[in-house]
Amino acid sequence: MAKKSIDQVEVSGKAVLMRVDFNVPLNESLEITDDRRIQMALPSIKSVLDRGGRVVLMSHLGRPKGDENDGKFSLNPAAKRLGELLGTSVTMATDTVGEDAQSRVTALAEGDVVVLENLRFNEGEKAGCTEFAAKLASFGDIYCNDAFGTCHRTDASMVAVAQAMEGKPRVVGFLVAKEIQYLSDAIGNPERPFVAILGGAKVSDKITVINNLLGICDKVLIGGAMAYTFALAKGGSVGKSLVEPDKVELAAELIAKGGDKLVLPTDTHCGDDFSADCNKQVVAFGEIADEFEGLDIGPETAETYAAILADAKVVVWNGPMGVCEMPPFDAGTQRVAEAIAASDATSIIGGGDSAAAIQQLGFADQVSHVSTGGGASLAMLEGRTFAAVELLDD
């Protein structure tokens, strides 16, 4: 899936229309609480600016509904933060493809940057509208996709814009190139043992991933609330735990298919309420009392998983082992993170809560790669191809 990257095209005197992922978290004061996604886009942006190009940035932020609350989804805070990180003035358009955007793009000089307003303020983005895409496409001489977090989507800026720019250079940015390299190499030609560890709430979110990885991995370790659906499939008791009764049959099929490859917890840390100060107990997996719910893998499981991870050559992790935002039910996730960080394996953290946990625990510098896209990394682990990447230049 290797694609031509932004450093392989001549950008001097050219306008690069770059799709980035500035979908950053904001607090109630509309201040950015985590600017990693903006920082990850800097190398591609600087590559263009340093070589005499100009940059037109487009991104979405949140899920605007076309009502009076849409103001909180403006990309203004992202544009301001980008300017601070670049140490230069960044222009912000008040619309996406309207008169203000057009005039600001036309006025761009060498080394200038403009951020278009939130793509999702225009209905054409989610609809994949070709007319909307053509207007965006007119802003660039070169198309660059550096938004891995949305690579699995078919939004206008991801697919229709690139199609509209056929005949012009269409490349990946450094972030997308890195994500594809790590994830496709891990799946396509992994060193062994290759271990995947999957958590989170729902089996349904990860059925295809588990299915695909059982055919590739040496071990697939299961944690999080989805483990309780597997417990039900084995005839266990799950108390008040979060389960998907309609997925029990599928879980049973995965257990049968996985054999020794599919590793389930052996104990569970439970509470009689969803709170940090509830009554707690550790019980054998599948033996949760009626008034309790499973909130984390137990200490025995955490150590078993840590031992398996210590011997791995490649590790892919997606999803927490328990309620990682609520001590003491963050212990399983913390132990897994520690084990991954301490191992010599090529370690790929698949976005979302896992990425946040690695970051918060201070292990981000001790793993090989932290993905910026939870949904996109899961889609790659499922073995899916991305139209948004496939149509770019090889």
Protein backbone atom coordinates (compact mmCIF):
# COMPACT_ATOMS: atom_id res chain seq x y z
CA MET A 1 0.00 0.00 0.00
CA ALA A 2 3.07 2.29 -0.23
CA LYS A 3 2.13 5.64 -1.76
CA LYS A 4 4.06 8.66 -3.02
CA SER A 5 4.57 11.11 -0.16
CA ILE A 6 4.60 14.88 0.06
CA ASP A 7 8.42 15.10 0.06
CA GLN A 8 8.50 13.39 -3.35
CA VAL A 9 6.67 16.15 -5.23
CA GLU A 10 7.82 19.63 -6.27
CA VAL A 11 5.86 22.20 -4.26
CA SER A 12 7.68 25.46 -4.98
CA GLY A 13 5.18 28.07 -6.16
CA LYS A 14 2.33 25.55 -5.74
CA ALA A 15 -0.75 25.40 -3.50
CA VAL A 16 -1.02 22.15 -1.56
CA LEU A 17 -4.57 21.26 -0.51
CA MET A 18 -3.94 19.15 2.58
CA ARG A 19 -6.55 17.12 4.46
CA VAL A 20 -5.47 17.02 8.09
CA ASP A 21 -7.14 15.70 11.25
CA PHE A 22 -7.59 18.68 13.56
CA ASN A 23 -10.50 16.99 15.35
CA VAL A 24 -9.02 17.96 18.71
CA PRO A 25 -10.76 17.86 22.11
CA LEU A 26 -11.95 21.23 23.45
CA ASN A 27 -13.08 22.19 26.95
CA GLU A 28 -16.11 24.37 27.76
CA SER A 29 -13.99 27.48 27.20
CA LEU A 30 -13.15 26.15 23.70
CA GLU A 31 -9.51 25.62 24.69
CA ILE A 32 -7.65 22.66 23.21
CA THR A 33 -6.95 20.04 25.88
CA ASP A 34 -4.75 17.81 23.70
CA ASP A 35 -2.98 19.21 20.63
CA ARG A 36 -1.25 15.97 19.52
CA ARG A 37 -3.18 15.78 16.25
CA ILE A 38 -2.03 19.27 15.29
CA GLN A 39 1.55 18.47 16.27
CA MET A 40 1.48 15.26 14.20
CA ALA A 41 0.56 17.28 11.09
CA LEU A 42 3.48 19.71 11.47
CA PRO A 43 6.12 17.73 9.52
CA SER A 44 3.99 17.59 6.36
CA ILE A 45 3.00 21.26 6.62
CA LYS A 46 6.61 22.37 7.24
CA SER A 47 7.83 20.25 4.34
CA VAL A 48 5.69 22.34 1.98
CA LEU A 49 6.45 25.71 3.58
CA ASP A 50 10.21 25.09 3.74
CA ARG A 51 10.27 24.32 0.02
CA GLY A 52 8.43 27.43 -1.13
CA GLY A 53 4.89 26.12 -1.29
CA ARG A 54 1.68 27.42 0.24
CA VAL A 55 -0.77 25.34 2.24
CA VAL A 56 -4.58 25.16 2.29
CA LEU A 57 -5.66 23.05 5.26
CA MET A 58 -9.04 21.34 5.57
CA SER A 59 -10.40 19.31 8.47
CA HIS A 60 -13.54 18.45 10.36
CA LEU A 61 -14.10 18.94 14.08
CA GLY A 62 -16.82 17.19 16.04
CA ARG A 63 -20.34 16.56 14.81
CA PRO A 64 -22.05 19.89 14.06
CA LYS A 65 -25.82 19.62 13.53
CA GLY A 66 -26.50 22.80 11.61
CA ASP A 67 -28.00 24.63 14.61
CA GLU A 68 -27.13 27.53 16.90
CA ASN A 69 -24.57 25.40 18.77
CA ASP A 70 -22.31 24.97 15.73
CA GLY A 71 -20.03 27.81 16.82
CA LYS A 72 -18.32 25.51 19.31
CA PHE A 73 -17.16 23.35 16.40
CA SER A 74 -15.19 26.11 14.68
CA LEU A 75 -11.60 25.33 13.75
CA ASN A 76 -10.51 28.73 15.07
CA PRO A 77 -8.78 27.29 18.18
CA ALA A 78 -6.92 24.78 15.99
CA ALA A 79 -5.78 27.49 13.57
CA LYS A 80 -4.58 29.64 16.48
CA ARG A 81 -2.65 26.72 18.01
CA LEU A 82 -1.14 25.83 14.64
CA GLY A 83 0.16 29.39 14.29
CA GLU A 84 1.78 29.15 17.75
CA LEU A 85 3.44 25.83 16.88
CA LEU A 86 4.67 27.08 13.50
CA GLY A 87 5.76 30.43 14.89
CA THR A 88 4.03 32.21 12.04
CA SER A 89 0.71 33.81 11.15
CA VAL A 90 -2.00 31.39 10.06
CA THR A 91 -5.05 32.74 8.25
CA MET A 92 -8.49 31.38 9.19
CA ALA A 93 -11.33 31.42 6.66
CA THR A 94 -14.83 32.08 7.94
CA ASP A 95 -16.32 29.51 5.56
CA THR A 96 -15.27 26.36 3.72
CA VAL A 97 -15.76 27.04 0.00
CA GLY A 98 -17.49 30.42 0.11
CA GLU A 99 -16.30 33.90 -0.82
CA ASP A 100 -14.05 34.33 2.23
CA ALA A 101 -12.29 31.00 1.68
CA GLN A 102 -11.83 31.74 -2.03
CA SER A 103 -10.40 35.20 -1.45
CA ARG A 104 -8.02 34.00 1.27
CA VAL A 105 -6.76 31.12 -0.88
CA THR A 106 -6.24 33.50 -3.83
CA ALA A 107 -4.27 35.90 -1.60
CA LEU A 108 -1.86 33.21 -0.34
CA ALA A 109 1.81 33.93 -0.96
CA GLU A 110 4.79 31.58 -0.76
CA GLY A 111 5.11 30.18 2.78
CA ASP A 112 1.53 31.12 3.77
CA VAL A 113 -1.05 28.88 5.45
CA VAL A 114 -4.84 29.14 5.50
CA VAL A 115 -7.22 26.93 7.47
CA LEU A 116 -10.66 26.48 5.94
CA GLU A 117 -13.61 26.40 8.32
CA ASN A 118 -14.97 23.04 9.54
CA LEU A 119 -15.74 20.81 6.55
CA ARG A 120 -18.81 19.42 8.31
CA PHE A 121 -20.42 22.86 8.32
CA ASN A 122 -21.20 21.94 4.71
CA GLU A 123 -23.59 19.00 4.20
CA GLY A 124 -21.64 18.05 1.09
CA GLU A 125 -18.75 16.71 3.21
CA LYS A 126 -20.52 13.73 4.78
CA ALA A 127 -22.59 13.20 1.63
CA GLY A 128 -19.47 12.88 -0.53
CA CYS A 129 -20.90 15.61 -2.80
CA THR A 130 -18.95 16.01 -6.05
CA GLU A 131 -19.97 19.67 -6.45
CA PHE A 132 -18.63 20.52 -2.98
CA ALA A 133 -15.51 18.46 -3.71
CA ALA A 134 -14.89 20.31 -6.99
CA LYS A 135 -14.91 23.66 -5.17
CA LEU A 136 -12.38 22.35 -2.63
CA ALA A 137 -10.28 20.80 -5.41
CA SER A 138 -10.02 24.18 -7.15
CA PHE A 139 -7.97 25.45 -4.18
CA GLY A 140 -4.98 23.20 -4.81
CA ASP A 141 -2.35 22.25 -7.39
CA ILE A 142 -1.46 19.20 -5.26
CA TYR A 143 -3.64 17.04 -2.99
CA CYS A 144 -2.14 15.64 0.22
CA ASN A 145 -3.93 13.26 2.58
CA ASP A 146 -2.43 13.47 6.07
CA ALA A 147 -5.60 12.59 8.01
CA PHE A 148 -5.23 8.96 9.00
CA GLY A 149 -8.07 9.21 11.52
CA THR A 150 -10.57 9.55 8.68
CA CYS A 151 -8.87 7.36 6.04
CA HIS A 152 -11.52 4.65 6.50
CA ARG A 153 -14.28 7.14 5.62
CA THR A 154 -15.59 8.19 2.20
CA ASP A 155 -16.26 11.85 3.03
CA ALA A 156 -15.91 14.33 0.17
CA SER A 157 -12.55 15.67 1.37
CA MET A 158 -11.14 12.14 1.58
CA VAL A 159 -12.33 10.63 -1.71
CA ALA A 160 -14.27 12.96 -4.05
CA VAL A 161 -11.69 15.78 -3.78
CA ALA A 162 -8.86 13.40 -4.68
CA GLN A 163 -10.95 12.09 -7.59
CA ALA A 164 -11.64 15.66 -8.74
CA MET A 165 -7.88 16.33 -8.75
CA GLU A 166 -7.03 13.42 -11.05
CA GLY A 167 -4.09 14.41 -13.24
CA LYS A 168 -2.55 16.50 -10.48
CA PRO A 169 -0.16 15.04 -7.87
CA ARG A 170 -2.10 13.20 -5.15
CA VAL A 171 0.09 12.09 -2.25
CA VAL A 172 0.14 11.06 1.39
CA GLY A 173 1.57 13.15 4.19
CA PHE A 174 4.21 11.80 6.57
CA LEU A 175 1.67 10.83 9.23
CA VAL A 176 -0.46 8.68 6.91
CA ALA A 177 2.67 7.14 5.40
CA LYS A 178 3.92 6.18 8.88
CA GLU A 179 0.55 4.76 9.98
CA ILE A 180 0.25 2.63 6.84
CA GLN A 181 3.82 1.39 7.19
CA TYR A 182 3.41 0.26 10.79
CA LEU A 183 -0.05 -1.24 10.50
CA SER A 184 0.31 -2.90 7.09
CA ASP A 185 3.76 -4.29 7.97
CA ALA A 186 2.45 -5.64 11.27
CA ILE A 187 -0.36 -7.48 9.53
CA GLY A 188 1.40 -8.39 6.30
CA ASN A 189 4.74 -9.71 7.50
CA PRO A 190 4.98 -9.75 11.31
CA GLU A 191 7.89 -10.99 13.36
CA ARG A 192 6.83 -13.68 15.80
CA PRO A 193 5.46 -14.10 18.35
CA PHE A 194 2.84 -11.61 17.15
CA VAL A 195 0.44 -10.73 19.99
CA ALA A 196 -2.74 -8.65 19.79
CA ILE A 197 -4.48 -7.38 22.89
CA LEU A 198 -8.05 -6.22 22.48
CA GLY A 199 -10.29 -4.54 25.04
CA GLY A 200 -13.17 -2.12 25.14
CA ALA A 201 -16.86 -2.52 25.75
CA LYS A 202 -18.30 -4.41 22.80
CA VAL A 203 -17.52 -7.66 21.03
CA SER A 204 -19.60 -6.31 18.14
CA ASP A 205 -17.09 -3.48 17.58
CA LYS A 206 -14.23 -5.95 17.22
CA ILE A 207 -15.69 -9.19 15.82
CA THR A 208 -14.11 -8.68 12.39
CA VAL A 209 -10.81 -7.63 13.95
CA ILE A 210 -10.68 -10.69 16.23
CA ASN A 211 -11.61 -12.94 13.31
CA ASN A 212 -8.89 -11.48 11.11
CA LEU A 213 -6.22 -11.47 13.82
CA LEU A 214 -6.90 -15.10 14.81
CA GLY A 215 -5.67 -15.96 11.33
CA ILE A 216 -2.51 -13.86 11.70
CA CYS A 217 -1.51 -13.67 15.38
CA ASP A 218 0.10 -16.19 17.70
CA LYS A 219 -2.02 -14.93 20.61
CA VAL A 220 -5.09 -12.68 20.90
CA LEU A 221 -5.61 -11.49 24.49
CA ILE A 222 -9.10 -10.33 25.48
CA GLY A 223 -9.95 -7.75 28.16
CA GLY A 224 -12.44 -5.00 28.84
CA ALA A 225 -16.19 -5.37 29.14
CA MET A 226 -16.38 -7.48 25.98
CA ALA A 227 -14.73 -10.29 27.99
CA TYR A 228 -18.03 -10.79 29.86
CA THR A 229 -19.84 -11.73 26.65
CA PHE A 230 -17.18 -14.42 26.20
CA ALA A 231 -17.79 -15.48 29.83
CA LEU A 232 -21.49 -15.92 29.03
CA ALA A 233 -20.56 -17.96 25.96
CA LYS A 234 -18.63 -20.31 28.27
CA GLY A 235 -21.66 -20.68 30.55
CA GLY A 236 -20.32 -18.35 33.24
CA SER A 237 -22.05 -15.91 35.58
CA VAL A 238 -21.55 -12.20 34.87
CA GLY A 239 -23.77 -10.47 37.46
CA LYS A 240 -24.56 -6.90 36.44
CA SER A 241 -21.64 -6.70 33.98
CA LEU A 242 -22.02 -5.01 30.62
CA VAL A 243 -22.73 -7.77 28.08
CA GLU A 244 -24.18 -8.24 24.58
CA PRO A 245 -26.59 -11.18 24.87
CA ASP A 246 -27.16 -11.18 21.10
CA LYS A 247 -23.42 -11.71 20.51
CA VAL A 248 -22.98 -14.75 22.79
CA GLU A 249 -23.27 -17.18 19.89
CA LEU A 250 -20.64 -15.26 17.93
CA ALA A 251 -18.36 -15.22 20.97
CA ALA A 252 -18.75 -18.99 21.24
CA GLU A 253 -17.77 -19.34 17.57
CA LEU A 254 -14.66 -17.20 18.14
CA ILE A 255 -13.70 -19.33 21.17
CA ALA A 256 -14.05 -22.48 19.06
CA LYS A 257 -12.11 -20.96 16.16
CA GLY A 258 -9.40 -19.44 18.34
CA GLY A 259 -8.47 -22.47 20.41
CA ASP A 260 -5.26 -21.77 22.33
CA LYS A 261 -4.68 -18.57 20.35
CA LEU A 262 -7.63 -16.80 21.99
CA VAL A 263 -6.67 -16.01 25.59
CA LEU A 264 -9.45 -15.02 27.99
CA PRO A 265 -9.07 -13.62 31.53
CA THR A 266 -8.81 -16.04 34.45
CA ASP A 267 -10.01 -13.57 37.10
CA THR A 268 -12.05 -10.39 37.30
CA HIS A 269 -11.96 -7.30 39.54
CA CYS A 270 -15.58 -6.53 40.43
CA GLY A 271 -17.57 -3.83 42.18
CA ASP A 272 -21.13 -3.63 43.48
CA ASP A 273 -21.50 -0.18 41.93
CA PHE A 274 -19.92 1.78 39.09
CA SER A 275 -17.83 3.96 41.38
CA ALA A 276 -14.34 4.10 42.83
CA ASP A 277 -15.55 3.67 46.42
CA CYS A 278 -17.82 0.66 45.82
CA ASN A 279 -17.41 -2.69 47.56
CA LYS A 280 -14.82 -4.65 45.60
CA GLN A 281 -13.82 -8.27 45.13
CA VAL A 282 -11.65 -10.34 42.82
CA VAL A 283 -13.30 -13.54 41.57
CA ALA A 284 -12.56 -16.27 39.07
CA PHE A 285 -13.56 -15.40 35.48
CA GLY A 286 -17.22 -16.23 34.92
CA GLU A 287 -18.05 -16.37 38.65
CA ILE A 288 -19.33 -12.84 39.26
CA ALA A 289 -22.00 -12.56 41.96
CA ASP A 290 -25.45 -11.27 40.97
CA GLU A 291 -25.07 -7.90 42.72
CA PHE A 292 -21.57 -7.24 41.31
CA GLU A 293 -20.24 -6.19 37.90
CA GLY A 294 -16.88 -6.79 36.28
CA LEU A 295 -14.88 -3.54 36.00
CA ASP A 296 -11.35 -4.75 35.21
CA ILE A 297 -9.27 -7.84 34.54
CA GLY A 298 -7.99 -9.33 37.80
CA PRO A 299 -4.36 -9.25 39.00
CA GLU A 300 -3.69 -12.87 37.94
CA THR A 301 -4.84 -12.12 34.39
CA ALA A 302 -2.81 -8.91 34.29
CA GLU A 303 0.36 -10.84 35.19
CA THR A 304 -0.41 -13.62 32.69
CA TYR A 305 -0.89 -11.06 29.93
CA ALA A 306 2.28 -9.20 30.96
CA ALA A 307 4.29 -12.44 30.70
CA ILE A 308 2.93 -13.15 27.20
CA LEU A 309 3.68 -9.59 26.10
CA ALA A 310 7.24 -9.78 27.47
CA ASP A 311 8.11 -12.49 24.92
CA ALA A 312 6.38 -10.85 21.94
CA LYS A 313 8.20 -9.48 18.88
CA VAL A 314 5.20 -7.48 17.62
CA VAL A 315 2.32 -6.18 19.77
CA VAL A 316 -0.87 -4.47 18.63
CA TRP A 317 -3.07 -3.04 21.40
CA ASN A 318 -6.55 -1.60 20.96
CA GLY A 319 -8.92 -1.02 23.86
CA PRO A 320 -8.56 -0.76 27.67
CA MET A 321 -8.69 -3.74 30.03
CA GLY A 322 -11.18 -2.11 32.39
CA VAL A 323 -12.59 1.22 33.48
CA CYS A 324 -9.24 2.92 32.92
CA GLU A 325 -10.44 6.38 33.97
CA MET A 326 -11.51 5.17 37.45
CA PRO A 327 -8.93 3.84 39.94
CA PRO A 328 -8.54 1.12 41.15
CA PHE A 329 -10.17 -0.36 38.01
CA ASP A 330 -7.38 1.10 35.88
CA ALA A 331 -4.86 -1.41 37.26
CA GLY A 332 -5.24 -3.95 34.42
CA THR A 333 -4.79 -1.32 31.72
CA GLN A 334 -1.80 0.12 33.57
CA ARG A 335 -0.13 -3.30 33.92
CA VAL A 336 -0.60 -4.04 30.21
CA ALA A 337 0.79 -0.61 29.28
CA GLU A 338 3.82 -1.19 31.54
CA ALA A 339 4.46 -4.62 29.99
CA ILE A 340 4.25 -3.28 26.44
CA ALA A 341 6.56 -0.35 27.26
CA ALA A 342 9.09 -2.68 28.91
CA SER A 343 9.14 -5.22 26.07
CA ASP A 344 11.53 -5.25 23.12
CA ALA A 345 8.61 -5.74 20.72
CA THR A 346 7.59 -3.44 17.90
CA SER A 347 4.54 -2.01 19.66
CA ILE A 348 1.60 -0.37 17.92
CA ILE A 349 -1.03 1.34 20.05
CA GLY A 350 -4.25 1.57 18.07
CA GLY A 351 -5.63 4.98 18.90
CA GLY A 352 -8.60 5.89 21.11
CA ASP A 353 -8.55 5.01 24.81
CA SER A 354 -5.39 2.90 24.47
CA ALA A 355 -3.48 5.86 23.03
CA ALA A 356 -4.79 8.13 25.78
CA ALA A 357 -3.78 5.59 28.45
CA ILE A 358 -0.25 5.21 27.07
CA GLN A 359 0.07 8.99 26.96
CA GLN A 360 -1.31 9.61 30.46
CA LEU A 361 0.84 6.87 31.99
CA GLY A 362 3.95 8.40 30.44
CA PHE A 363 4.84 5.44 28.21
CA ALA A 364 4.27 7.07 24.81
CA ASP A 365 8.02 7.44 24.22
CA GLN A 366 8.61 3.76 25.07
CA VAL A 367 6.38 2.28 22.36
CA SER A 368 7.09 2.15 18.63
CA HIS A 369 3.97 3.84 17.35
CA VAL A 370 0.84 5.46 18.77
CA SER A 371 -1.86 5.64 16.12
CA THR A 372 -3.85 8.85 15.69
CA GLY A 373 -6.95 7.02 14.44
CA GLY A 374 -8.82 4.47 16.54
CA GLY A 375 -11.46 3.65 13.93
CA ALA A 376 -9.00 3.71 11.05
CA SER A 377 -6.47 1.48 12.82
CA LEU A 378 -9.24 -1.02 13.65
CA ALA A 379 -10.32 -1.00 10.00
CA MET A 380 -6.74 -1.79 8.93
CA LEU A 381 -6.56 -4.61 11.48
CA GLU A 382 -9.77 -5.96 9.94
CA GLY A 383 -7.89 -6.16 6.65
CA ARG A 384 -9.97 -3.48 4.93
CA THR A 385 -8.62 -1.32 2.12
CA PHE A 386 -9.23 2.44 2.07
CA ALA A 387 -10.58 4.16 -1.04
CA ALA A 388 -9.11 7.42 0.32
CA VAL A 389 -5.63 5.90 0.07
CA GLU A 390 -6.01 3.51 -2.86
CA LEU A 391 -6.65 6.32 -5.37
CA LEU A 392 -3.50 8.26 -4.46
CA ASP A 393 -0.31 8.09 -6.54
CA ASP A 394 1.91 5.04 -6.11
